[in-house]
Amino acid sequence: MLIMGTGCFVTMAKELGHGRLLAVGGGGYNPHNIGKGWCAVTSALIRTLMAQE
């Protein structure tokens, strides 16, 4: 699910934002979960970009 959503964001960034994408996050009380979440998002972005090349 994360990969599919990320693919949509990457496509939109290419079409509407000249290939630029800004990822932001906020809040959270558990540093471990925040780290895991950002690793998952970053991994999904990298895999999506690699698959499109």
C-alpha atoms as a PDB file:
ATOM      1  CA  MET A   1       0.000   0.000   0.000  1.00  0.00           C
ATOM      2  CA  LEU A   2       2.782   2.452   0.878  1.00  0.00           C
ATOM      3  CA  ILE A   3       4.563   1.790  -2.425  1.00  0.00           C
ATOM      4  CA  MET A   4       1.386   2.450  -4.452  1.00  0.00           C
ATOM      5  CA  GLY A   5       0.726   5.725  -2.650  1.00  0.00           C
ATOM      6  CA  THR A   6       4.339   6.755  -3.011  1.00  0.00           C
ATOM      7  CA  GLY A   7       4.198   6.038  -6.736  1.00  0.00           C
ATOM      8  CA  CYS A   8       1.263   8.435  -7.045  1.00  0.00           C
ATOM      9  CA  PHE A   9       3.172  11.168  -5.204  1.00  0.00           C
ATOM     10  CA  VAL A  10       6.261  10.665  -7.355  1.00  0.00           C
ATOM     11  CA  THR A  11       4.185  10.846 -10.536  1.00  0.00           C
ATOM     12  CA  MET A  12       2.481  14.022  -9.336  1.00  0.00           C
ATOM     13  CA  ALA A  13       5.842  15.542  -8.408  1.00  0.00           C
ATOM     14  CA  LYS A  14       7.171  14.833 -11.890  1.00  0.00           C
ATOM     15  CA  GLU A  15       4.091  16.240 -13.628  1.00  0.00           C
ATOM     16  CA  LEU A  16       3.303  19.217 -11.397  1.00  0.00           C
ATOM     17  CA  GLY A  17       6.430  20.006  -9.419  1.00  0.00           C
ATOM     18  CA  HIS A  18       9.251  19.671 -11.945  1.00  0.00           C
ATOM     19  CA  GLY A  19      10.314  16.440 -10.224  1.00  0.00           C
ATOM     20  CA  ARG A  20      10.550  17.991  -6.775  1.00  0.00           C
ATOM     21  CA  LEU A  21       8.951  16.402  -3.751  1.00  0.00           C
ATOM     22  CA  LEU A  22       8.949  17.712  -0.198  1.00  0.00           C
ATOM     23  CA  ALA A  23       8.252  15.177   2.530  1.00  0.00           C
ATOM     24  CA  VAL A  24       7.437  16.505   5.988  1.00  0.00           C
ATOM     25  CA  GLY A  25       6.331  14.856   9.164  1.00  0.00           C
ATOM     26  CA  GLY A  26       5.178  16.029  12.507  1.00  0.00           C
ATOM     27  CA  GLY A  27       4.346  14.989  15.991  1.00  0.00           C
ATOM     28  CA  GLY A  28       4.881  11.721  17.681  1.00  0.00           C
ATOM     29  CA  TYR A  29       5.773  10.587  21.131  1.00  0.00           C
ATOM     30  CA  ASN A  30       7.664   7.421  20.343  1.00  0.00           C
ATOM     31  CA  PRO A  31      11.049   8.063  18.690  1.00  0.00           C
ATOM     32  CA  HIS A  32      11.374   4.387  17.723  1.00  0.00           C
ATOM     33  CA  ASN A  33       8.109   4.455  15.766  1.00  0.00           C
ATOM     34  CA  ILE A  34       8.989   7.778  14.130  1.00  0.00           C
ATOM     35  CA  GLY A  35      12.293   6.296  12.959  1.00  0.00           C
ATOM     36  CA  LYS A  36      10.595   3.187  11.605  1.00  0.00           C
ATOM     37  CA  GLY A  37       7.988   5.282   9.823  1.00  0.00           C
ATOM     38  CA  TRP A  38      10.512   7.546   8.117  1.00  0.00           C
ATOM     39  CA  CYS A  39      12.620   4.561   7.099  1.00  0.00           C
ATOM     40  CA  ALA A  40       9.537   3.012   5.479  1.00  0.00           C
ATOM     41  CA  VAL A  41       8.668   6.242   3.640  1.00  0.00           C
ATOM     42  CA  THR A  42      12.247   6.780   2.443  1.00  0.00           C
ATOM     43  CA  SER A  43      12.530   3.165   1.334  1.00  0.00           C
ATOM     44  CA  ALA A  44       9.259   3.399  -0.596  1.00  0.00           C
ATOM     45  CA  LEU A  45      10.408   6.593  -2.324  1.00  0.00           C
ATOM     46  CA  ILE A  46      13.730   5.050  -3.331  1.00  0.00           C
ATOM     47  CA  ARG A  47      12.133   1.836  -4.594  1.00  0.00           C
ATOM     48  CA  THR A  48       9.542   3.794  -6.588  1.00  0.00           C
ATOM     49  CA  LEU A  49      12.175   6.024  -8.167  1.00  0.00           C
ATOM     50  CA  MET A  50      14.415   3.055  -9.004  1.00  0.00           C
ATOM     51  CA  ALA A  51      11.508   1.170 -10.594  1.00  0.00           C
ATOM     52  CA  GLN A  52      10.657   4.135 -12.820  1.00  0.00           C
ATOM     53  CA  GLU A  53      14.182   4.453 -14.252  1.00  0.00           C
END
